[in-house]
Amino acid sequence: MAALGATPIINHPEVAILGINKAADRPVVYKGQIAVRRILHVSGSFDHRVVDGADGATFVQCVKNYLEFPATIFI
């Protein structure tokens, strides 16, 4: 079984890095029912001297939304 999450390590001169783990089928509650869904954990590490935490969280949420709804990339 693959790891559920990771903490990517920032190396100088990087200011941010995105960690993407292996997608796996997992049981989740979806529309009030238990269903098997493909889950992909995404995490980010940011140098807080350069990137504000709120901006980093917004970026990770944006990546998540594009992965969930890829057609929105073209809008």
C-alpha atoms as a PDB file:
ATOM      1  CA  MET A   1       0.000   0.000   0.000  1.00  0.00           C
ATOM      2  CA  ALA A   2       1.271   3.472  -0.884  1.00  0.00           C
ATOM      3  CA  ALA A   3       1.696   6.241   1.651  1.00  0.00           C
ATOM      4  CA  LEU A   4      -1.335   8.471   2.203  1.00  0.00           C
ATOM      5  CA  GLY A   5       0.598  11.691   2.384  1.00  0.00           C
ATOM      6  CA  ALA A   6       4.025  13.225   2.205  1.00  0.00           C
ATOM      7  CA  THR A   7       5.799  16.402   3.169  1.00  0.00           C
ATOM      8  CA  PRO A   8       7.873  17.537   0.197  1.00  0.00           C
ATOM      9  CA  ILE A   9      11.235  19.032   1.141  1.00  0.00           C
ATOM     10  CA  ILE A  10      12.173  22.419  -0.306  1.00  0.00           C
ATOM     11  CA  ASN A  11      15.758  22.700  -1.569  1.00  0.00           C
ATOM     12  CA  HIS A  12      17.425  26.072  -2.061  1.00  0.00           C
ATOM     13  CA  PRO A  13      16.693  28.063  -4.293  1.00  0.00           C
ATOM     14  CA  GLU A  14      13.160  26.583  -4.516  1.00  0.00           C
ATOM     15  CA  VAL A  15      10.353  28.394  -2.692  1.00  0.00           C
ATOM     16  CA  ALA A  16       7.624  25.774  -3.143  1.00  0.00           C
ATOM     17  CA  ILE A  17       7.131  22.164  -4.130  1.00  0.00           C
ATOM     18  CA  LEU A  18       4.040  20.092  -4.827  1.00  0.00           C
ATOM     19  CA  GLY A  19       3.860  16.507  -3.580  1.00  0.00           C
ATOM     20  CA  ILE A  20       1.589  14.104  -5.453  1.00  0.00           C
ATOM     21  CA  ASN A  21       1.011  10.603  -4.125  1.00  0.00           C
ATOM     22  CA  LYS A  22      -0.268   7.494  -5.875  1.00  0.00           C
ATOM     23  CA  ALA A  23      -4.003   7.401  -6.597  1.00  0.00           C
ATOM     24  CA  ALA A  24      -5.835   4.520  -4.935  1.00  0.00           C
ATOM     25  CA  ASP A  25      -9.397   3.267  -4.720  1.00  0.00           C
ATOM     26  CA  ARG A  26     -10.813   3.919  -1.239  1.00  0.00           C
ATOM     27  CA  PRO A  27     -14.240   3.679   0.384  1.00  0.00           C
ATOM     28  CA  VAL A  28     -15.816   7.113   0.943  1.00  0.00           C
ATOM     29  CA  VAL A  29     -19.239   8.578   1.616  1.00  0.00           C
ATOM     30  CA  TYR A  30     -20.453  10.016  -1.704  1.00  0.00           C
ATOM     31  CA  LYS A  31     -23.933  11.549  -1.985  1.00  0.00           C
ATOM     32  CA  GLY A  32     -24.983   9.869   1.255  1.00  0.00           C
ATOM     33  CA  GLN A  33     -23.853   6.388   0.161  1.00  0.00           C
ATOM     34  CA  ILE A  34     -20.666   4.438   0.721  1.00  0.00           C
ATOM     35  CA  ALA A  35     -18.865   4.171  -2.590  1.00  0.00           C
ATOM     36  CA  VAL A  36     -15.418   3.276  -3.873  1.00  0.00           C
ATOM     37  CA  ARG A  37     -13.734   6.364  -5.326  1.00  0.00           C
ATOM     38  CA  ARG A  38     -10.282   7.009  -6.738  1.00  0.00           C
ATOM     39  CA  ILE A  39      -8.473   9.228  -4.202  1.00  0.00           C
ATOM     40  CA  LEU A  40      -5.250  11.148  -4.863  1.00  0.00           C
ATOM     41  CA  HIS A  41      -3.527  12.974  -2.012  1.00  0.00           C
ATOM     42  CA  VAL A  42      -1.819  16.250  -2.942  1.00  0.00           C
ATOM     43  CA  SER A  43       0.313  18.307  -0.567  1.00  0.00           C
ATOM     44  CA  GLY A  44       2.475  21.370  -0.829  1.00  0.00           C
ATOM     45  CA  SER A  45       5.437  22.809   1.016  1.00  0.00           C
ATOM     46  CA  PHE A  46       6.141  26.532   0.855  1.00  0.00           C
ATOM     47  CA  ASP A  47       8.927  28.769   2.095  1.00  0.00           C
ATOM     48  CA  HIS A  48       6.894  31.097   4.296  1.00  0.00           C
ATOM     49  CA  ARG A  49       9.513  33.808   3.951  1.00  0.00           C
ATOM     50  CA  VAL A  50       8.374  34.086   0.311  1.00  0.00           C
ATOM     51  CA  VAL A  51       4.889  32.540   0.025  1.00  0.00           C
ATOM     52  CA  ASP A  52       2.091  33.404   2.450  1.00  0.00           C
ATOM     53  CA  GLY A  53       0.367  30.309   3.871  1.00  0.00           C
ATOM     54  CA  ALA A  54      -3.045  31.412   2.595  1.00  0.00           C
ATOM     55  CA  ASP A  55      -1.655  31.801  -0.938  1.00  0.00           C
ATOM     56  CA  GLY A  56      -0.098  28.340  -0.735  1.00  0.00           C
ATOM     57  CA  ALA A  57      -3.379  26.797   0.436  1.00  0.00           C
ATOM     58  CA  THR A  58      -5.249  28.599  -2.356  1.00  0.00           C
ATOM     59  CA  PHE A  59      -2.787  27.192  -4.905  1.00  0.00           C
ATOM     60  CA  VAL A  60      -3.226  23.609  -3.644  1.00  0.00           C
ATOM     61  CA  GLN A  61      -7.033  24.026  -3.764  1.00  0.00           C
ATOM     62  CA  CYS A  62      -6.757  25.344  -7.337  1.00  0.00           C
ATOM     63  CA  VAL A  63      -4.703  22.281  -8.355  1.00  0.00           C
ATOM     64  CA  LYS A  64      -7.302  20.041  -6.662  1.00  0.00           C
ATOM     65  CA  ASN A  65     -10.144  21.702  -8.558  1.00  0.00           C
ATOM     66  CA  TYR A  66      -8.334  21.317 -11.889  1.00  0.00           C
ATOM     67  CA  LEU A  67      -7.727  17.619 -11.183  1.00  0.00           C
ATOM     68  CA  GLU A  68     -11.385  17.089 -10.251  1.00  0.00           C
ATOM     69  CA  PHE A  69     -12.732  19.065 -13.234  1.00  0.00           C
ATOM     70  CA  PRO A  70     -10.019  19.145 -15.933  1.00  0.00           C
ATOM     71  CA  ALA A  71     -12.258  20.838 -18.531  1.00  0.00           C
ATOM     72  CA  THR A  72     -12.131  24.026 -16.430  1.00  0.00           C
ATOM     73  CA  ILE A  73      -8.472  24.457 -17.417  1.00  0.00           C
ATOM     74  CA  PHE A  74      -9.710  25.759 -20.775  1.00  0.00           C
ATOM     75  CA  ILE A  75     -12.213  28.265 -19.370  1.00  0.00           C
END
